[in-house]
Amino acid sequence: QILRIDTTMAAVNFGYTETAGTWH
């Protein structure tokens, strides 16, 4: 929602990686 208000902020790829390397 902040990205809608302030377009100068960079988008973020929200997620995590397992120890095996799989991205979620």
mmCIF file of all heavy atoms, coordinates in Angstrom:
data_MODEL
# 
_entry.id   MODEL 
# 
loop_
_atom_site.group_PDB 
_atom_site.id 
_atom_site.type_symbol 
_atom_site.label_atom_id 
_atom_site.label_alt_id 
_atom_site.label_comp_id 
_atom_site.label_asym_id 
_atom_site.label_entity_id 
_atom_site.label_seq_id 
_atom_site.pdbx_PDB_ins_code 
_atom_site.Cartn_x 
_atom_site.Cartn_y 
_atom_site.Cartn_z 
_atom_site.occupancy 
_atom_site.B_iso_or_equiv 
_atom_site.pdbx_formal_charge 
_atom_site.auth_seq_id 
_atom_site.auth_comp_id 
_atom_site.auth_asym_id 
_atom_site.auth_atom_id 
_atom_site.pdbx_PDB_model_num 
ATOM 1   N N   . GLN A 1 1  ? 0.834  -1.209  0.000  1.00 0.00 ? 1  GLN A N   1 
ATOM 2   C CA  . GLN A 1 1  ? 0.000  0.000   0.000  1.00 0.00 ? 1  GLN A CA  1 
ATOM 3   C C   . GLN A 1 1  ? 0.870  1.261   0.000  1.00 0.00 ? 1  GLN A C   1 
ATOM 4   O O   . GLN A 1 1  ? 0.504  2.280   -0.582 1.00 0.00 ? 1  GLN A O   1 
ATOM 5   C CB  . GLN A 1 1  ? -0.940 0.000   1.204  1.00 0.00 ? 1  GLN A CB  1 
ATOM 6   C CG  . GLN A 1 1  ? -1.838 -1.221  1.283  1.00 0.00 ? 1  GLN A CG  1 
ATOM 7   C CD  . GLN A 1 1  ? -2.469 -1.573  -0.055 1.00 0.00 ? 1  GLN A CD  1 
ATOM 8   O OE1 . GLN A 1 1  ? -3.169 -0.755  -0.661 1.00 0.00 ? 1  GLN A OE1 1 
ATOM 9   N NE2 . GLN A 1 1  ? -2.229 -2.792  -0.524 1.00 0.00 ? 1  GLN A NE2 1 
ATOM 10  N N   . ILE A 1 2  ? 2.028  1.194   0.659  1.00 0.00 ? 2  ILE A N   1 
ATOM 11  C CA  . ILE A 1 2  ? 2.953  2.330   0.633  1.00 0.00 ? 2  ILE A CA  1 
ATOM 12  C C   . ILE A 1 2  ? 3.423  2.601   -0.789 1.00 0.00 ? 2  ILE A C   1 
ATOM 13  O O   . ILE A 1 2  ? 3.584  3.752   -1.206 1.00 0.00 ? 2  ILE A O   1 
ATOM 14  C CB  . ILE A 1 2  ? 4.151  2.065   1.570  1.00 0.00 ? 2  ILE A CB  1 
ATOM 15  C CG1 . ILE A 1 2  ? 3.685  2.026   3.035  1.00 0.00 ? 2  ILE A CG1 1 
ATOM 16  C CG2 . ILE A 1 2  ? 5.230  3.127   1.399  1.00 0.00 ? 2  ILE A CG2 1 
ATOM 17  C CD1 . ILE A 1 2  ? 4.774  1.625   4.002  1.00 0.00 ? 2  ILE A CD1 1 
ATOM 18  N N   . LEU A 1 3  ? 3.621  1.531   -1.578 1.00 0.00 ? 3  LEU A N   1 
ATOM 19  C CA  . LEU A 1 3  ? 4.056  1.697   -2.964 1.00 0.00 ? 3  LEU A CA  1 
ATOM 20  C C   . LEU A 1 3  ? 3.021  2.448   -3.795 1.00 0.00 ? 3  LEU A C   1 
ATOM 21  O O   . LEU A 1 3  ? 3.365  3.105   -4.783 1.00 0.00 ? 3  LEU A O   1 
ATOM 22  C CB  . LEU A 1 3  ? 4.327  0.327   -3.595 1.00 0.00 ? 3  LEU A CB  1 
ATOM 23  C CG  . LEU A 1 3  ? 5.512  -0.455  -3.018 1.00 0.00 ? 3  LEU A CG  1 
ATOM 24  C CD1 . LEU A 1 3  ? 5.597  -1.828  -3.659 1.00 0.00 ? 3  LEU A CD1 1 
ATOM 25  C CD2 . LEU A 1 3  ? 6.818  0.300   -3.210 1.00 0.00 ? 3  LEU A CD2 1 
ATOM 26  N N   . ARG A 1 4  ? 1.753  2.363   -3.421 1.00 0.00 ? 4  ARG A N   1 
ATOM 27  C CA  . ARG A 1 4  ? 0.713  3.121   -4.114 1.00 0.00 ? 4  ARG A CA  1 
ATOM 28  C C   . ARG A 1 4  ? 0.793  4.604   -3.761 1.00 0.00 ? 4  ARG A C   1 
ATOM 29  O O   . ARG A 1 4  ? 0.451  5.461   -4.562 1.00 0.00 ? 4  ARG A O   1 
ATOM 30  C CB  . ARG A 1 4  ? -0.674 2.600   -3.709 1.00 0.00 ? 4  ARG A CB  1 
ATOM 31  C CG  . ARG A 1 4  ? -1.002 1.217   -4.221 1.00 0.00 ? 4  ARG A CG  1 
ATOM 32  C CD  . ARG A 1 4  ? -2.243 0.673   -3.514 1.00 0.00 ? 4  ARG A CD  1 
ATOM 33  N NE  . ARG A 1 4  ? -2.765 -0.477  -4.227 1.00 0.00 ? 4  ARG A NE  1 
ATOM 34  C CZ  . ARG A 1 4  ? -3.759 -0.430  -5.106 1.00 0.00 ? 4  ARG A CZ  1 
ATOM 35  N NH1 . ARG A 1 4  ? -4.345 0.720   -5.374 1.00 0.00 ? 4  ARG A NH1 1 
ATOM 36  N NH2 . ARG A 1 4  ? -4.172 -1.513  -5.719 1.00 0.00 ? 4  ARG A NH2 1 
ATOM 37  N N   . ILE A 1 5  ? 1.210  4.871   -2.507 1.00 0.00 ? 5  ILE A N   1 
ATOM 38  C CA  . ILE A 1 5  ? 1.249  6.251   -2.023 1.00 0.00 ? 5  ILE A CA  1 
ATOM 39  C C   . ILE A 1 5  ? 2.534  6.946   -2.449 1.00 0.00 ? 5  ILE A C   1 
ATOM 40  O O   . ILE A 1 5  ? 2.533  8.110   -2.839 1.00 0.00 ? 5  ILE A O   1 
ATOM 41  C CB  . ILE A 1 5  ? 1.115  6.256   -0.478 1.00 0.00 ? 5  ILE A CB  1 
ATOM 42  C CG1 . ILE A 1 5  ? -0.230 5.652   -0.070 1.00 0.00 ? 5  ILE A CG1 1 
ATOM 43  C CG2 . ILE A 1 5  ? 1.263  7.663   0.082  1.00 0.00 ? 5  ILE A CG2 1 
ATOM 44  C CD1 . ILE A 1 5  ? -0.340 5.367   1.413  1.00 0.00 ? 5  ILE A CD1 1 
ATOM 45  N N   . ASP A 1 6  ? 3.640  6.216   -2.364 1.00 0.00 ? 6  ASP A N   1 
ATOM 46  C CA  . ASP A 1 6  ? 4.954  6.789   -2.665 1.00 0.00 ? 6  ASP A CA  1 
ATOM 47  C C   . ASP A 1 6  ? 5.629  5.930   -3.737 1.00 0.00 ? 6  ASP A C   1 
ATOM 48  O O   . ASP A 1 6  ? 6.239  4.904   -3.446 1.00 0.00 ? 6  ASP A O   1 
ATOM 49  C CB  . ASP A 1 6  ? 5.805  6.815   -1.389 1.00 0.00 ? 6  ASP A CB  1 
ATOM 50  C CG  . ASP A 1 6  ? 7.148  7.507   -1.597 1.00 0.00 ? 6  ASP A CG  1 
ATOM 51  O OD1 . ASP A 1 6  ? 7.467  7.850   -2.747 1.00 0.00 ? 6  ASP A OD1 1 
ATOM 52  O OD2 . ASP A 1 6  ? 7.880  7.691   -0.601 1.00 0.00 ? 6  ASP A OD2 1 
ATOM 53  N N   . THR A 1 7  ? 5.529  6.352   -4.977 1.00 0.00 ? 7  THR A N   1 
ATOM 54  C CA  . THR A 1 7  ? 6.068  5.566   -6.089 1.00 0.00 ? 7  THR A CA  1 
ATOM 55  C C   . THR A 1 7  ? 7.585  5.631   -6.168 1.00 0.00 ? 7  THR A C   1 
ATOM 56  O O   . THR A 1 7  ? 8.186  4.946   -6.997 1.00 0.00 ? 7  THR A O   1 
ATOM 57  C CB  . THR A 1 7  ? 5.475  6.054   -7.421 1.00 0.00 ? 7  THR A CB  1 
ATOM 58  O OG1 . THR A 1 7  ? 5.726  7.454   -7.563 1.00 0.00 ? 7  THR A OG1 1 
ATOM 59  C CG2 . THR A 1 7  ? 3.971  5.805   -7.461 1.00 0.00 ? 7  THR A CG2 1 
ATOM 60  N N   . THR A 1 8  ? 8.213  6.447   -5.311 1.00 0.00 ? 8  THR A N   1 
ATOM 61  C CA  . THR A 1 8  ? 9.682  6.489   -5.315 1.00 0.00 ? 8  THR A CA  1 
ATOM 62  C C   . THR A 1 8  ? 10.275 5.295   -4.572 1.00 0.00 ? 8  THR A C   1 
ATOM 63  O O   . THR A 1 8  ? 11.465 5.011   -4.701 1.00 0.00 ? 8  THR A O   1 
ATOM 64  C CB  . THR A 1 8  ? 10.194 7.788   -4.659 1.00 0.00 ? 8  THR A CB  1 
ATOM 65  O OG1 . THR A 1 8  ? 9.817  7.806   -3.273 1.00 0.00 ? 8  THR A OG1 1 
ATOM 66  C CG2 . THR A 1 8  ? 9.603  9.002   -5.360 1.00 0.00 ? 8  THR A CG2 1 
ATOM 67  N N   . MET A 1 9  ? 9.443  4.612   -3.776 1.00 0.00 ? 9  MET A N   1 
ATOM 68  C CA  . MET A 1 9  ? 9.942  3.440   -3.059 1.00 0.00 ? 9  MET A CA  1 
ATOM 69  C C   . MET A 1 9  ? 10.064 2.255   -4.011 1.00 0.00 ? 9  MET A C   1 
ATOM 70  O O   . MET A 1 9  ? 9.231  2.061   -4.900 1.00 0.00 ? 9  MET A O   1 
ATOM 71  C CB  . MET A 1 9  ? 9.006  3.075   -1.900 1.00 0.00 ? 9  MET A CB  1 
ATOM 72  C CG  . MET A 1 9  ? 9.176  3.956   -0.679 1.00 0.00 ? 9  MET A CG  1 
ATOM 73  S SD  . MET A 1 9  ? 8.405  3.197   0.767  1.00 0.00 ? 9  MET A SD  1 
ATOM 74  C CE  . MET A 1 9  ? 8.945  4.326   2.054  1.00 0.00 ? 9  MET A CE  1 
ATOM 75  N N   . ALA A 1 10 ? 11.084 1.456   -3.798 1.00 0.00 ? 10 ALA A N   1 
ATOM 76  C CA  . ALA A 1 10 ? 11.324 0.306   -4.660 1.00 0.00 ? 10 ALA A CA  1 
ATOM 77  C C   . ALA A 1 10 ? 10.436 -0.865  -4.245 1.00 0.00 ? 10 ALA A C   1 
ATOM 78  O O   . ALA A 1 10 ? 10.226 -1.108  -3.059 1.00 0.00 ? 10 ALA A O   1 
ATOM 79  C CB  . ALA A 1 10 ? 12.794 -0.102  -4.583 1.00 0.00 ? 10 ALA A CB  1 
ATOM 80  N N   . ALA A 1 11 ? 9.907  -1.563  -5.252 1.00 0.00 ? 11 ALA A N   1 
ATOM 81  C CA  . ALA A 1 11 ? 9.129  -2.769  -4.976 1.00 0.00 ? 11 ALA A CA  1 
ATOM 82  C C   . ALA A 1 11 ? 10.029 -3.843  -4.372 1.00 0.00 ? 11 ALA A C   1 
ATOM 83  O O   . ALA A 1 11 ? 11.222 -3.901  -4.643 1.00 0.00 ? 11 ALA A O   1 
ATOM 84  C CB  . ALA A 1 11 ? 8.481  -3.279  -6.255 1.00 0.00 ? 11 ALA A CB  1 
ATOM 85  N N   . VAL A 1 12 ? 9.433  -4.677  -3.532 1.00 0.00 ? 12 VAL A N   1 
ATOM 86  C CA  . VAL A 1 12 ? 10.187 -5.695  -2.807 1.00 0.00 ? 12 VAL A CA  1 
ATOM 87  C C   . VAL A 1 12 ? 9.641  -7.073  -3.157 1.00 0.00 ? 12 VAL A C   1 
ATOM 88  O O   . VAL A 1 12 ? 8.422  -7.266  -3.258 1.00 0.00 ? 12 VAL A O   1 
ATOM 89  C CB  . VAL A 1 12 ? 10.084 -5.472  -1.278 1.00 0.00 ? 12 VAL A CB  1 
ATOM 90  C CG1 . VAL A 1 12 ? 10.825 -6.567  -0.528 1.00 0.00 ? 12 VAL A CG1 1 
ATOM 91  C CG2 . VAL A 1 12 ? 10.627 -4.106  -0.904 1.00 0.00 ? 12 VAL A CG2 1 
ATOM 92  N N   . ASN A 1 13 ? 10.527 -8.013  -3.349 1.00 0.00 ? 13 ASN A N   1 
ATOM 93  C CA  . ASN A 1 13 ? 10.141 -9.393  -3.613 1.00 0.00 ? 13 ASN A CA  1 
ATOM 94  C C   . ASN A 1 13 ? 10.018 -10.118 -2.276 1.00 0.00 ? 13 ASN A C   1 
ATOM 95  O O   . ASN A 1 13 ? 11.014 -10.571 -1.712 1.00 0.00 ? 13 ASN A O   1 
ATOM 96  C CB  . ASN A 1 13 ? 11.199 -10.058 -4.498 1.00 0.00 ? 13 ASN A CB  1 
ATOM 97  C CG  . ASN A 1 13 ? 10.711 -11.362 -5.088 1.00 0.00 ? 13 ASN A CG  1 
ATOM 98  O OD1 . ASN A 1 13 ? 9.530  -11.679 -5.010 1.00 0.00 ? 13 ASN A OD1 1 
ATOM 99  N ND2 . ASN A 1 13 ? 11.611 -12.112 -5.682 1.00 0.00 ? 13 ASN A ND2 1 
ATOM 100 N N   . PHE A 1 14 ? 8.800  -10.208 -1.756 1.00 0.00 ? 14 PHE A N   1 
ATOM 101 C CA  . PHE A 1 14 ? 8.585  -10.802 -0.442 1.00 0.00 ? 14 PHE A CA  1 
ATOM 102 C C   . PHE A 1 14 ? 8.541  -12.320 -0.544 1.00 0.00 ? 14 PHE A C   1 
ATOM 103 O O   . PHE A 1 14 ? 7.740  -12.876 -1.295 1.00 0.00 ? 14 PHE A O   1 
ATOM 104 C CB  . PHE A 1 14 ? 7.279  -10.291 0.174  1.00 0.00 ? 14 PHE A CB  1 
ATOM 105 C CG  . PHE A 1 14 ? 7.391  -8.928  0.780  1.00 0.00 ? 14 PHE A CG  1 
ATOM 106 C CD1 . PHE A 1 14 ? 7.115  -7.795  0.031  1.00 0.00 ? 14 PHE A CD1 1 
ATOM 107 C CD2 . PHE A 1 14 ? 7.782  -8.773  2.094  1.00 0.00 ? 14 PHE A CD2 1 
ATOM 108 C CE1 . PHE A 1 14 ? 7.219  -6.534  0.585  1.00 0.00 ? 14 PHE A CE1 1 
ATOM 109 C CE2 . PHE A 1 14 ? 7.893  -7.517  2.664  1.00 0.00 ? 14 PHE A CE2 1 
ATOM 110 C CZ  . PHE A 1 14 ? 7.618  -6.395  1.901  1.00 0.00 ? 14 PHE A CZ  1 
ATOM 111 N N   . GLY A 1 15 ? 9.388  -12.957 0.216  1.00 0.00 ? 15 GLY A N   1 
ATOM 112 C CA  . GLY A 1 15 ? 9.406  -14.409 0.240  1.00 0.00 ? 15 GLY A CA  1 
ATOM 113 C C   . GLY A 1 15 ? 10.611 -14.919 0.998  1.00 0.00 ? 15 GLY A C   1 
ATOM 114 O O   . GLY A 1 15 ? 11.333 -14.154 1.653  1.00 0.00 ? 15 GLY A O   1 
ATOM 115 N N   . TYR A 1 16 ? 10.855 -16.213 0.878  1.00 0.00 ? 16 TYR A N   1 
ATOM 116 C CA  . TYR A 1 16 ? 11.939 -16.834 1.634  1.00 0.00 ? 16 TYR A CA  1 
ATOM 117 C C   . TYR A 1 16 ? 12.452 -18.046 0.867  1.00 0.00 ? 16 TYR A C   1 
ATOM 118 O O   . TYR A 1 16 ? 11.783 -18.585 -0.024 1.00 0.00 ? 16 TYR A O   1 
ATOM 119 C CB  . TYR A 1 16 ? 11.461 -17.255 3.025  1.00 0.00 ? 16 TYR A CB  1 
ATOM 120 C CG  . TYR A 1 16 ? 10.277 -18.199 2.995  1.00 0.00 ? 16 TYR A CG  1 
ATOM 121 C CD1 . TYR A 1 16 ? 10.458 -19.582 3.043  1.00 0.00 ? 16 TYR A CD1 1 
ATOM 122 C CD2 . TYR A 1 16 ? 8.978  -17.710 2.887  1.00 0.00 ? 16 TYR A CD2 1 
ATOM 123 C CE1 . TYR A 1 16 ? 9.385  -20.442 2.995  1.00 0.00 ? 16 TYR A CE1 1 
ATOM 124 C CE2 . TYR A 1 16 ? 7.895  -18.562 2.835  1.00 0.00 ? 16 TYR A CE2 1 
ATOM 125 C CZ  . TYR A 1 16 ? 8.097  -19.929 2.890  1.00 0.00 ? 16 TYR A CZ  1 
ATOM 126 O OH  . TYR A 1 16 ? 7.024  -20.785 2.829  1.00 0.00 ? 16 TYR A OH  1 
ATOM 127 N N   . THR A 1 17 ? 13.642 -18.480 1.214  1.00 0.00 ? 17 THR A N   1 
ATOM 128 C CA  . THR A 1 17 ? 14.272 -19.635 0.587  1.00 0.00 ? 17 THR A CA  1 
ATOM 129 C C   . THR A 1 17 ? 14.481 -20.729 1.620  1.00 0.00 ? 17 THR A C   1 
ATOM 130 O O   . THR A 1 17 ? 14.911 -20.458 2.746  1.00 0.00 ? 17 THR A O   1 
ATOM 131 C CB  . THR A 1 17 ? 15.640 -19.243 -0.012 1.00 0.00 ? 17 THR A CB  1 
ATOM 132 O OG1 . THR A 1 17 ? 15.458 -18.151 -0.915 1.00 0.00 ? 17 THR A OG1 1 
ATOM 133 C CG2 . THR A 1 17 ? 16.253 -20.414 -0.765 1.00 0.00 ? 17 THR A CG2 1 
ATOM 134 N N   . GLU A 1 18 ? 14.160 -21.955 1.247  1.00 0.00 ? 18 GLU A N   1 
ATOM 135 C CA  . GLU A 1 18 ? 14.450 -23.090 2.114  1.00 0.00 ? 18 GLU A CA  1 
ATOM 136 C C   . GLU A 1 18 ? 15.948 -23.370 2.104  1.00 0.00 ? 18 GLU A C   1 
ATOM 137 O O   . GLU A 1 18 ? 16.677 -22.909 1.225  1.00 0.00 ? 18 GLU A O   1 
ATOM 138 C CB  . GLU A 1 18 ? 13.703 -24.332 1.630  1.00 0.00 ? 18 GLU A CB  1 
ATOM 139 C CG  . GLU A 1 18 ? 12.195 -24.250 1.731  1.00 0.00 ? 18 GLU A CG  1 
ATOM 140 C CD  . GLU A 1 18 ? 11.550 -25.551 1.300  1.00 0.00 ? 18 GLU A CD  1 
ATOM 141 O OE1 . GLU A 1 18 ? 12.107 -26.625 1.629  1.00 0.00 ? 18 GLU A OE1 1 
ATOM 142 O OE2 . GLU A 1 18 ? 10.509 -25.490 0.637  1.00 0.00 ? 18 GLU A OE2 1 
ATOM 143 N N   . THR A 1 19 ? 16.392 -24.161 3.066  1.00 0.00 ? 19 THR A N   1 
ATOM 144 C CA  . THR A 1 19 ? 17.809 -24.518 3.099  1.00 0.00 ? 19 THR A CA  1 
ATOM 145 C C   . THR A 1 19 ? 18.223 -25.274 1.840  1.00 0.00 ? 19 THR A C   1 
ATOM 146 O O   . THR A 1 19 ? 19.378 -25.211 1.424  1.00 0.00 ? 19 THR A O   1 
ATOM 147 C CB  . THR A 1 19 ? 18.107 -25.391 4.341  1.00 0.00 ? 19 THR A CB  1 
ATOM 148 O OG1 . THR A 1 19 ? 17.169 -26.480 4.378  1.00 0.00 ? 19 THR A OG1 1 
ATOM 149 C CG2 . THR A 1 19 ? 17.976 -24.586 5.615  1.00 0.00 ? 19 THR A CG2 1 
ATOM 150 N N   . ALA A 1 20 ? 17.259 -25.963 1.218  1.00 0.00 ? 20 ALA A N   1 
ATOM 151 C CA  . ALA A 1 20 ? 17.557 -26.699 -0.016 1.00 0.00 ? 20 ALA A CA  1 
ATOM 152 C C   . ALA A 1 20 ? 17.660 -25.775 -1.222 1.00 0.00 ? 20 ALA A C   1 
ATOM 153 O O   . ALA A 1 20 ? 18.031 -26.208 -2.306 1.00 0.00 ? 20 ALA A O   1 
ATOM 154 C CB  . ALA A 1 20 ? 16.490 -27.757 -0.268 1.00 0.00 ? 20 ALA A CB  1 
ATOM 155 N N   . GLY A 1 21 ? 17.305 -24.487 -1.032 1.00 0.00 ? 21 GLY A N   1 
ATOM 156 C CA  . GLY A 1 21 ? 17.431 -23.525 -2.116 1.00 0.00 ? 21 GLY A CA  1 
ATOM 157 C C   . GLY A 1 21 ? 16.149 -23.189 -2.841 1.00 0.00 ? 21 GLY A C   1 
ATOM 158 O O   . GLY A 1 21 ? 16.143 -22.366 -3.762 1.00 0.00 ? 21 GLY A O   1 
ATOM 159 N N   . THR A 1 22 ? 15.025 -23.805 -2.447 1.00 0.00 ? 22 THR A N   1 
ATOM 160 C CA  . THR A 1 22 ? 13.738 -23.536 -3.104 1.00 0.00 ? 22 THR A CA  1 
ATOM 161 C C   . THR A 1 22 ? 13.175 -22.204 -2.637 1.00 0.00 ? 22 THR A C   1 
ATOM 162 O O   . THR A 1 22 ? 13.065 -21.945 -1.436 1.00 0.00 ? 22 THR A O   1 
ATOM 163 C CB  . THR A 1 22 ? 12.728 -24.654 -2.790 1.00 0.00 ? 22 THR A CB  1 
ATOM 164 O OG1 . THR A 1 22 ? 13.293 -25.912 -3.152 1.00 0.00 ? 22 THR A OG1 1 
ATOM 165 C CG2 . THR A 1 22 ? 11.432 -24.426 -3.562 1.00 0.00 ? 22 THR A CG2 1 
ATOM 166 N N   . TRP A 1 23 ? 12.799 -21.368 -3.601 1.00 0.00 ? 23 TRP A N   1 
ATOM 167 C CA  . TRP A 1 23 ? 12.238 -20.044 -3.302 1.00 0.00 ? 23 TRP A CA  1 
ATOM 168 C C   . TRP A 1 23 ? 10.725 -20.133 -3.166 1.00 0.00 ? 23 TRP A C   1 
ATOM 169 O O   . TRP A 1 23 ? 10.053 -20.799 -3.958 1.00 0.00 ? 23 TRP A O   1 
ATOM 170 C CB  . TRP A 1 23 ? 12.596 -19.060 -4.404 1.00 0.00 ? 23 TRP A CB  1 
ATOM 171 C CG  . TRP A 1 23 ? 11.824 -17.766 -4.333 1.00 0.00 ? 23 TRP A CG  1 
ATOM 172 C CD1 . TRP A 1 23 ? 10.753 -17.397 -5.080 1.00 0.00 ? 23 TRP A CD1 1 
ATOM 173 C CD2 . TRP A 1 23 ? 12.058 -16.671 -3.430 1.00 0.00 ? 23 TRP A CD2 1 
ATOM 174 N NE1 . TRP A 1 23 ? 10.306 -16.158 -4.718 1.00 0.00 ? 23 TRP A NE1 1 
ATOM 175 C CE2 . TRP A 1 23 ? 11.088 -15.692 -3.707 1.00 0.00 ? 23 TRP A CE2 1 
ATOM 176 C CE3 . TRP A 1 23 ? 13.003 -16.451 -2.423 1.00 0.00 ? 23 TRP A CE3 1 
ATOM 177 C CZ2 . TRP A 1 23 ? 11.042 -14.487 -3.007 1.00 0.00 ? 23 TRP A CZ2 1 
ATOM 178 C CZ3 . TRP A 1 23 ? 12.936 -15.252 -1.726 1.00 0.00 ? 23 TRP A CZ3 1 
ATOM 179 C CH2 . TRP A 1 23 ? 11.974 -14.288 -2.022 1.00 0.00 ? 23 TRP A CH2 1 
ATOM 180 N N   . HIS A 1 24 ? 10.171 -19.451 -2.162 1.00 0.00 ? 24 HIS A N   1 
ATOM 181 C CA  . HIS A 1 24 ? 8.733  -19.386 -1.948 1.00 0.00 ? 24 HIS A CA  1 
ATOM 182 C C   . HIS A 1 24 ? 8.318  -17.916 -1.854 1.00 0.00 ? 24 HIS A C   1 
ATOM 183 O O   . HIS A 1 24 ? 8.710  -17.229 -0.906 1.00 0.00 ? 24 HIS A O   1 
ATOM 184 C CB  . HIS A 1 24 ? 8.326  -20.111 -0.662 1.00 0.00 ? 24 HIS A CB  1 
ATOM 185 C CG  . HIS A 1 24 ? 8.622  -21.577 -0.666 1.00 0.00 ? 24 HIS A CG  1 
ATOM 186 N ND1 . HIS A 1 24 ? 7.782  -22.510 -1.224 1.00 0.00 ? 24 HIS A ND1 1 
ATOM 187 C CD2 . HIS A 1 24 ? 9.687  -22.281 -0.187 1.00 0.00 ? 24 HIS A CD2 1 
ATOM 188 C CE1 . HIS A 1 24 ? 8.305  -23.715 -1.085 1.00 0.00 ? 24 HIS A CE1 1 
ATOM 189 N NE2 . HIS A 1 24 ? 9.466  -23.598 -0.461 1.00 0.00 ? 24 HIS A NE2 1 
# 
